[in-house]
């Protein structure tokens, strides 16, 4: 049996590229289920006369939602979710995150919200993605779980 090294190399390269393409389509970000806020004494600009500021206890905050932003969420440019069809399956909430839409070069960001935005964990979405959608589920105690899947 005779092997043609050029054909073998092309076949190997094609297999590698197909494998990379499949890996690139399996992008997802998972929000942590909860966060613990360390106890602190809030600082007021001005404490009213005859009053003291009370300390808080450590608080466990659970996940209550996900949002996608055009730019860092601190800039408050939250994108409106739209129903989207990916590979014949309808997803909602979903967002278009194609880098062609990112005219300012600030990227698209995921925000995981805890206790109605009291705390947000944010993370930039890979710039090679085109569309993302959220998959929600519940843990064994009924707490919210969320992951952002993208292609």
N, C-alpha and C. Protein backbone atom coordinates (compact mmCIF):
# COMPACT_ATOMS: atom_id res chain seq x y z
N UNK A 1 0.85 -1.18 0.00
CA UNK A 1 0.00 0.00 0.00
C UNK A 1 0.89 1.23 0.00
N UNK A 2 0.61 2.15 -0.90
CA UNK A 2 1.44 3.34 -1.06
C UNK A 2 0.67 4.57 -0.57
N UNK A 3 1.31 5.40 0.30
CA UNK A 3 0.68 6.62 0.80
C UNK A 3 1.22 7.81 0.06
N UNK A 4 0.33 8.71 -0.26
CA UNK A 4 0.75 9.98 -0.85
C UNK A 4 0.80 10.99 0.28
N UNK A 5 2.01 11.47 0.61
CA UNK A 5 2.19 12.37 1.76
C UNK A 5 1.40 13.67 1.58
N UNK A 6 1.27 14.18 0.35
CA UNK A 6 0.50 15.41 0.12
C UNK A 6 -0.98 15.19 0.44
N UNK A 7 -1.55 14.07 -0.02
CA UNK A 7 -2.95 13.76 0.26
C UNK A 7 -3.15 13.52 1.74
N UNK A 8 -2.23 12.78 2.36
CA UNK A 8 -2.32 12.51 3.79
C UNK A 8 -2.28 13.81 4.58
N UNK A 9 -1.39 14.71 4.21
CA UNK A 9 -1.27 16.00 4.91
C UNK A 9 -2.54 16.83 4.76
N UNK A 10 -3.12 16.84 3.56
CA UNK A 10 -4.36 17.59 3.34
C UNK A 10 -5.49 17.01 4.17
N UNK A 11 -5.59 15.66 4.20
CA UNK A 11 -6.64 15.00 4.99
C UNK A 11 -6.47 15.30 6.47
N UNK A 12 -5.22 15.25 6.95
CA UNK A 12 -4.94 15.53 8.35
C UNK A 12 -5.29 16.97 8.69
N UNK A 13 -4.89 17.90 7.82
CA UNK A 13 -5.19 19.31 8.03
C UNK A 13 -6.70 19.55 8.06
N UNK A 14 -7.43 18.91 7.14
CA UNK A 14 -8.88 19.06 7.10
C UNK A 14 -9.51 18.53 8.38
N UNK A 15 -9.03 17.39 8.88
CA UNK A 15 -9.56 16.83 10.13
C UNK A 15 -9.31 17.75 11.30
N UNK A 16 -8.12 18.33 11.35
CA UNK A 16 -7.79 19.26 12.43
C UNK A 16 -8.68 20.50 12.36
N UNK A 17 -8.85 21.05 11.16
CA UNK A 17 -9.68 22.24 11.02
C UNK A 17 -11.13 21.96 11.38
N UNK A 18 -11.66 20.80 10.98
CA UNK A 18 -13.03 20.45 11.36
C UNK A 18 -13.16 20.31 12.86
N UNK A 19 -12.16 19.72 13.49
CA UNK A 19 -12.17 19.57 14.95
C UNK A 19 -12.14 20.91 15.65
N UNK A 20 -11.32 21.83 15.15
CA UNK A 20 -11.24 23.17 15.74
C UNK A 20 -12.57 23.88 15.55
N UNK A 21 -13.18 23.73 14.36
CA UNK A 21 -14.47 24.37 14.11
C UNK A 21 -15.54 23.87 15.05
N UNK A 22 -15.55 22.58 15.34
CA UNK A 22 -16.54 22.04 16.26
C UNK A 22 -16.27 22.54 17.67
N UNK A 23 -14.99 22.66 18.05
CA UNK A 23 -14.67 23.16 19.39
C UNK A 23 -15.09 24.62 19.52
N UNK A 24 -14.86 25.40 18.48
CA UNK A 24 -15.19 26.83 18.54
C UNK A 24 -16.70 27.04 18.71
N UNK A 25 -17.51 26.11 18.19
CA UNK A 25 -18.96 26.24 18.32
C UNK A 25 -19.47 25.82 19.69
N UNK A 26 -18.63 25.28 20.55
CA UNK A 26 -19.06 24.78 21.85
C UNK A 26 -18.72 25.76 22.97
N UNK A 27 -18.85 27.03 22.71
CA UNK A 27 -18.48 28.07 23.67
C UNK A 27 -19.63 28.34 24.63
N UNK A 28 -19.34 28.31 25.92
CA UNK A 28 -20.37 28.67 26.90
C UNK A 28 -19.73 29.25 28.14
N UNK A 29 -20.47 30.14 28.79
CA UNK A 29 -20.08 30.74 30.06
C UNK A 29 -21.16 30.39 31.08
N UNK A 30 -20.73 29.90 32.25
CA UNK A 30 -21.67 29.48 33.28
C UNK A 30 -21.61 30.47 34.44
N UNK A 31 -22.76 31.02 34.82
CA UNK A 31 -22.83 31.93 35.96
C UNK A 31 -22.69 31.13 37.26
N UNK A 32 -21.88 31.61 38.22
CA UNK A 32 -21.86 30.97 39.53
C UNK A 32 -23.26 31.02 40.15
N UNK A 33 -23.62 29.96 40.88
CA UNK A 33 -24.97 29.86 41.46
C UNK A 33 -25.23 30.93 42.51
N UNK A 34 -24.19 31.31 43.26
CA UNK A 34 -24.36 32.29 44.33
C UNK A 34 -23.03 32.97 44.61
N UNK A 35 -23.10 34.07 45.32
CA UNK A 35 -21.91 34.79 45.79
C UNK A 35 -22.16 35.18 47.25
N UNK A 36 -21.10 35.29 48.00
CA UNK A 36 -21.22 35.74 49.39
C UNK A 36 -20.62 37.12 49.50
N UNK A 37 -21.42 38.05 50.00
CA UNK A 37 -20.96 39.42 50.21
C UNK A 37 -20.41 39.49 51.64
N UNK A 38 -19.16 39.90 51.75
CA UNK A 38 -18.52 39.99 53.06
C UNK A 38 -19.12 41.15 53.86
N UNK A 39 -19.26 40.91 55.16
CA UNK A 39 -19.82 41.95 56.05
C UNK A 39 -18.97 43.20 55.97
N UNK A 40 -19.63 44.33 55.98
CA UNK A 40 -18.93 45.60 55.92
C UNK A 40 -19.80 46.68 56.55
N UNK A 41 -19.14 47.71 56.99
CA UNK A 41 -19.85 48.87 57.51
C UNK A 41 -19.93 49.88 56.37
N UNK A 42 -21.12 50.16 55.89
CA UNK A 42 -21.25 51.10 54.77
C UNK A 42 -20.70 52.48 55.14
N UNK A 43 -20.08 53.10 54.18
CA UNK A 43 -19.58 54.46 54.38
C UNK A 43 -20.58 55.44 53.79
N UNK A 44 -21.04 56.36 54.60
CA UNK A 44 -21.94 57.41 54.12
C UNK A 44 -21.12 58.67 53.88
N UNK A 45 -21.52 59.45 52.88
CA UNK A 45 -20.84 60.73 52.65
C UNK A 45 -20.99 61.61 53.88
N UNK A 46 -22.20 61.61 54.42
CA UNK A 46 -22.49 62.39 55.63
C UNK A 46 -23.40 61.52 56.52
N UNK A 47 -22.98 61.29 57.77
CA UNK A 47 -23.82 60.57 58.71
C UNK A 47 -24.65 61.60 59.47
N UNK A 48 -25.98 61.45 59.42
CA UNK A 48 -26.82 62.43 60.12
C UNK A 48 -26.45 62.51 61.62
N UNK A 49 -26.56 63.70 62.14
CA UNK A 49 -26.22 63.94 63.55
C UNK A 49 -27.03 63.02 64.46
N UNK A 50 -26.37 62.43 65.46
CA UNK A 50 -26.96 61.55 66.46
C UNK A 50 -27.29 60.15 65.93
N UNK A 51 -26.79 59.80 64.76
CA UNK A 51 -27.04 58.48 64.17
C UNK A 51 -25.72 57.75 63.98
N UNK A 52 -25.80 56.41 63.99
CA UNK A 52 -24.64 55.57 63.71
C UNK A 52 -24.98 54.65 62.55
N UNK A 53 -23.97 54.27 61.81
CA UNK A 53 -24.16 53.34 60.70
C UNK A 53 -23.96 51.93 61.23
N UNK A 54 -24.92 51.06 60.96
CA UNK A 54 -24.87 49.68 61.42
C UNK A 54 -24.10 48.81 60.43
N UNK A 55 -23.39 47.81 60.95
CA UNK A 55 -22.73 46.84 60.08
C UNK A 55 -23.74 45.84 59.56
N UNK A 56 -23.40 45.21 58.43
CA UNK A 56 -24.24 44.15 57.87
C UNK A 56 -23.62 42.80 58.19
N UNK A 57 -24.42 41.76 58.16
CA UNK A 57 -23.92 40.40 58.26
C UNK A 57 -23.46 39.96 56.87
N UNK A 58 -22.61 38.90 56.81
CA UNK A 58 -22.30 38.29 55.52
C UNK A 58 -23.61 37.86 54.89
N UNK A 59 -23.75 38.07 53.60
CA UNK A 59 -24.99 37.71 52.92
C UNK A 59 -24.70 36.79 51.74
N UNK A 60 -25.46 35.71 51.65
CA UNK A 60 -25.39 34.82 50.50
C UNK A 60 -26.42 35.32 49.49
N UNK A 61 -25.95 35.70 48.32
CA UNK A 61 -26.85 36.18 47.27
C UNK A 61 -26.93 35.14 46.18
N UNK A 62 -28.13 34.82 45.75
CA UNK A 62 -28.31 33.82 44.70
C UNK A 62 -28.54 34.48 43.35
N UNK A 63 -28.20 33.75 42.33
CA UNK A 63 -28.36 34.21 40.95
C UNK A 63 -29.83 34.46 40.66
N UNK A 64 -30.13 35.59 40.01
CA UNK A 64 -31.52 35.84 39.65
C UNK A 64 -31.71 36.28 38.20
N UNK A 65 -30.62 36.36 37.44
CA UNK A 65 -30.79 36.72 36.04
C UNK A 65 -29.48 36.90 35.31
N UNK A 66 -29.63 37.02 33.98
CA UNK A 66 -28.49 37.15 33.09
C UNK A 66 -28.82 38.26 32.10
N UNK A 67 -27.82 39.03 31.73
CA UNK A 67 -27.99 40.05 30.70
C UNK A 67 -26.76 40.10 29.82
N UNK A 68 -26.93 40.62 28.62
CA UNK A 68 -25.82 40.82 27.70
C UNK A 68 -25.76 42.31 27.39
N UNK A 69 -24.54 42.83 27.41
CA UNK A 69 -24.31 44.26 27.24
C UNK A 69 -23.39 44.52 26.06
N UNK A 70 -23.61 45.65 25.40
CA UNK A 70 -22.68 46.15 24.40
C UNK A 70 -21.69 47.02 25.14
N UNK A 71 -20.52 46.47 25.45
CA UNK A 71 -19.54 47.15 26.29
C UNK A 71 -19.67 46.69 27.73
N UNK A 72 -18.80 47.19 28.57
CA UNK A 72 -18.80 46.80 29.97
C UNK A 72 -20.13 47.19 30.62
N UNK A 73 -20.74 46.29 31.40
CA UNK A 73 -22.05 46.58 32.00
C UNK A 73 -22.09 47.85 32.86
N UNK A 74 -20.96 48.31 33.35
CA UNK A 74 -20.97 49.54 34.14
C UNK A 74 -21.48 50.72 33.30
N UNK A 75 -21.37 50.61 31.97
CA UNK A 75 -21.85 51.68 31.08
C UNK A 75 -23.34 51.59 30.78
N UNK A 76 -24.00 50.54 31.30
CA UNK A 76 -25.46 50.37 31.23
C UNK A 76 -26.04 50.27 29.83
N UNK A 77 -25.31 49.68 28.88
CA UNK A 77 -25.82 49.51 27.52
C UNK A 77 -26.32 48.08 27.35
N UNK A 78 -27.38 47.72 28.12
CA UNK A 78 -27.91 46.37 28.06
C UNK A 78 -28.66 46.15 26.75
N UNK A 79 -28.39 45.01 26.12
CA UNK A 79 -29.03 44.69 24.85
C UNK A 79 -30.39 44.03 25.09
N UNK A 80 -31.31 44.31 24.21
CA UNK A 80 -32.64 43.70 24.30
C UNK A 80 -32.57 42.29 23.70
N UNK A 81 -33.06 41.29 24.45
CA UNK A 81 -33.05 39.93 23.89
C UNK A 81 -34.10 39.78 22.80
N UNK A 82 -33.79 38.95 21.82
CA UNK A 82 -34.71 38.66 20.72
C UNK A 82 -34.79 37.15 20.54
N UNK A 83 -35.93 36.62 20.17
CA UNK A 83 -36.00 35.19 19.84
C UNK A 83 -35.09 34.92 18.63
N UNK A 84 -34.33 33.84 18.68
CA UNK A 84 -33.38 33.52 17.62
C UNK A 84 -33.44 32.03 17.32
N UNK A 85 -33.27 31.68 16.04
CA UNK A 85 -33.23 30.28 15.64
C UNK A 85 -31.79 29.93 15.29
N UNK A 86 -31.26 28.89 15.96
CA UNK A 86 -29.90 28.41 15.71
C UNK A 86 -30.01 26.92 15.40
N UNK A 87 -29.52 26.54 14.21
CA UNK A 87 -29.58 25.14 13.76
C UNK A 87 -30.99 24.55 13.90
N UNK A 88 -31.99 25.34 13.51
CA UNK A 88 -33.37 24.87 13.51
C UNK A 88 -34.07 24.89 14.86
N UNK A 89 -33.37 25.33 15.91
CA UNK A 89 -33.97 25.35 17.25
C UNK A 89 -34.14 26.79 17.72
N UNK A 90 -35.34 27.11 18.23
CA UNK A 90 -35.63 28.47 18.69
C UNK A 90 -35.09 28.67 20.10
N UNK A 91 -34.43 29.81 20.32
CA UNK A 91 -33.87 30.16 21.62
C UNK A 91 -34.35 31.55 22.04
N UNK A 92 -34.66 31.68 23.33
CA UNK A 92 -34.99 32.97 23.92
C UNK A 92 -34.71 32.89 25.41
N UNK A 93 -34.06 33.84 26.00
CA UNK A 93 -33.52 35.05 25.40
C UNK A 93 -32.25 34.78 24.61
N UNK A 94 -32.05 35.57 23.56
CA UNK A 94 -30.87 35.44 22.71
C UNK A 94 -30.43 36.82 22.24
N UNK A 95 -29.15 36.93 21.89
CA UNK A 95 -28.58 38.21 21.49
C UNK A 95 -27.61 38.00 20.34
N UNK A 96 -27.59 38.94 19.40
CA UNK A 96 -26.59 38.94 18.34
C UNK A 96 -25.34 39.63 18.90
N UNK A 97 -24.21 38.93 18.84
CA UNK A 97 -22.96 39.48 19.40
C UNK A 97 -21.85 39.48 18.35
N UNK A 98 -22.22 39.60 17.10
CA UNK A 98 -21.26 39.60 16.00
C UNK A 98 -20.34 40.82 16.12
N UNK A 99 -19.04 40.59 16.00
CA UNK A 99 -18.08 41.70 16.13
C UNK A 99 -18.30 42.78 15.08
N UNK A 100 -18.96 42.47 13.97
CA UNK A 100 -19.28 43.49 12.96
C UNK A 100 -20.24 44.53 13.53
N UNK A 101 -21.00 44.18 14.56
CA UNK A 101 -21.94 45.11 15.19
C UNK A 101 -21.27 45.95 16.28
N UNK A 102 -20.04 45.61 16.64
CA UNK A 102 -19.30 46.28 17.71
C UNK A 102 -18.48 47.44 17.14
N UNK A 103 -19.16 48.51 16.79
CA UNK A 103 -18.51 49.64 16.11
C UNK A 103 -17.49 50.37 16.99
N UNK A 104 -17.69 50.35 18.32
CA UNK A 104 -16.78 51.05 19.23
C UNK A 104 -15.61 50.17 19.68
N UNK A 105 -15.65 48.89 19.37
CA UNK A 105 -14.58 47.98 19.78
C UNK A 105 -14.58 47.65 21.26
N UNK A 106 -15.72 47.83 21.93
CA UNK A 106 -15.80 47.59 23.38
C UNK A 106 -16.21 46.16 23.70
N UNK A 107 -16.65 45.42 22.70
CA UNK A 107 -17.02 44.03 22.89
C UNK A 107 -18.40 43.86 23.50
N UNK A 108 -18.78 42.61 23.62
CA UNK A 108 -20.05 42.25 24.25
C UNK A 108 -19.74 41.53 25.55
N UNK A 109 -20.56 41.77 26.56
CA UNK A 109 -20.29 41.26 27.91
C UNK A 109 -21.50 40.54 28.48
N UNK A 110 -21.22 39.48 29.23
CA UNK A 110 -22.25 38.77 29.99
C UNK A 110 -22.26 39.34 31.39
N UNK A 111 -23.44 39.52 31.94
CA UNK A 111 -23.59 39.93 33.33
C UNK A 111 -24.49 38.93 34.05
N UNK A 112 -23.97 38.37 35.14
CA UNK A 112 -24.75 37.49 36.01
C UNK A 112 -25.18 38.34 37.19
N UNK A 113 -26.48 38.42 37.41
CA UNK A 113 -27.05 39.31 38.42
C UNK A 113 -27.45 38.55 39.69
N UNK A 114 -27.13 39.15 40.84
CA UNK A 114 -27.44 38.57 42.13
C UNK A 114 -28.22 39.59 42.96
N UNK A 115 -29.33 39.13 43.53
CA UNK A 115 -30.20 39.98 44.34
C UNK A 115 -30.57 41.27 43.61
N UNK A 116 -31.14 41.11 42.44
CA UNK A 116 -31.63 42.23 41.63
C UNK A 116 -30.56 43.29 41.39
N UNK A 117 -29.42 42.84 40.88
CA UNK A 117 -28.27 43.70 40.51
C UNK A 117 -27.54 44.31 41.70
N UNK A 118 -27.79 43.81 42.92
CA UNK A 118 -26.99 44.29 44.04
C UNK A 118 -25.52 43.96 43.79
N UNK A 119 -25.29 42.78 43.18
CA UNK A 119 -23.95 42.38 42.76
C UNK A 119 -24.08 41.83 41.34
N UNK A 120 -23.13 42.20 40.50
CA UNK A 120 -23.06 41.66 39.15
C UNK A 120 -21.67 41.08 38.94
N UNK A 121 -21.61 39.88 38.39
CA UNK A 121 -20.35 39.33 37.91
C UNK A 121 -20.38 39.47 36.40
N UNK A 122 -19.32 40.04 35.83
CA UNK A 122 -19.30 40.31 34.40
C UNK A 122 -18.10 39.63 33.75
N UNK A 123 -18.29 39.31 32.48
CA UNK A 123 -17.21 38.66 31.74
C UNK A 123 -17.41 38.97 30.26
N UNK A 124 -16.31 39.28 29.60
CA UNK A 124 -16.38 39.59 28.17
C UNK A 124 -16.63 38.30 27.38
N UNK A 125 -17.48 38.41 26.36
CA UNK A 125 -17.81 37.29 25.49
C UNK A 125 -16.77 37.23 24.37
N UNK A 126 -16.33 36.04 24.05
CA UNK A 126 -15.34 35.84 22.99
C UNK A 126 -15.78 36.56 21.71
N UNK A 127 -14.88 37.34 21.13
CA UNK A 127 -15.23 38.18 19.97
C UNK A 127 -15.47 37.39 18.69
N UNK A 128 -15.17 36.09 18.67
CA UNK A 128 -15.43 35.29 17.47
C UNK A 128 -16.87 34.77 17.43
N UNK A 129 -17.63 34.97 18.49
CA UNK A 129 -19.01 34.49 18.54
C UNK A 129 -19.93 35.40 17.73
N UNK A 130 -21.01 34.84 17.23
CA UNK A 130 -21.98 35.59 16.43
C UNK A 130 -23.31 35.76 17.14
N UNK A 131 -23.74 34.72 17.88
CA UNK A 131 -25.03 34.75 18.56
C UNK A 131 -24.89 33.98 19.87
N UNK A 132 -25.58 34.47 20.91
CA UNK A 132 -25.57 33.80 22.22
C UNK A 132 -27.01 33.70 22.73
N UNK A 133 -27.25 32.67 23.54
CA UNK A 133 -28.55 32.51 24.18
C UNK A 133 -28.34 31.95 25.57
N UNK A 134 -29.33 32.18 26.42
CA UNK A 134 -29.26 31.72 27.80
C UNK A 134 -30.06 30.44 27.97
N UNK A 135 -29.46 29.51 28.72
CA UNK A 135 -30.15 28.27 29.09
C UNK A 135 -30.31 28.31 30.61
N UNK A 136 -31.56 28.34 31.05
CA UNK A 136 -31.86 28.37 32.48
C UNK A 136 -32.28 26.98 32.95
N UNK A 137 -31.94 26.66 34.19
CA UNK A 137 -32.41 25.44 34.83
C UNK A 137 -32.46 25.70 36.34
N UNK A 138 -32.81 24.68 37.11
CA UNK A 138 -32.88 24.79 38.57
C UNK A 138 -31.96 23.77 39.20
N UNK A 139 -31.37 24.13 40.37
CA UNK A 139 -30.57 23.16 41.12
C UNK A 139 -31.52 22.32 41.97
N UNK A 140 -30.97 21.41 42.77
CA UNK A 140 -31.81 20.49 43.55
C UNK A 140 -32.65 21.20 44.61
N UNK A 141 -32.26 22.41 45.01
CA UNK A 141 -33.05 23.18 45.99
C UNK A 141 -33.95 24.21 45.33
N UNK A 142 -34.01 24.20 43.99
CA UNK A 142 -34.87 25.14 43.29
C UNK A 142 -34.20 26.46 42.94
N UNK A 143 -32.89 26.59 43.22
CA UNK A 143 -32.17 27.81 42.88
C UNK A 143 -31.91 27.90 41.38
N UNK A 144 -31.82 29.11 40.89
CA UNK A 144 -31.62 29.36 39.46
C UNK A 144 -30.19 29.03 39.03
N UNK A 145 -30.08 28.35 37.90
CA UNK A 145 -28.80 28.08 37.23
C UNK A 145 -28.89 28.69 35.84
N UNK A 146 -27.80 29.27 35.36
CA UNK A 146 -27.84 29.88 34.04
C UNK A 146 -26.48 29.75 33.36
N UNK A 147 -26.56 29.48 32.05
CA UNK A 147 -25.34 29.49 31.26
C UNK A 147 -25.64 30.16 29.93
N UNK A 148 -24.63 30.82 29.42
CA UNK A 148 -24.73 31.50 28.13
C UNK A 148 -24.03 30.61 27.11
N UNK A 149 -24.77 30.17 26.09
CA UNK A 149 -24.20 29.36 25.03
C UNK A 149 -24.06 30.26 23.81
N UNK A 150 -22.96 30.09 23.10
CA UNK A 150 -22.71 30.95 21.94
C UNK A 150 -22.17 30.16 20.76
N UNK A 151 -22.39 30.72 19.59
CA UNK A 151 -21.80 30.20 18.34
C UNK A 151 -21.32 31.35 17.52
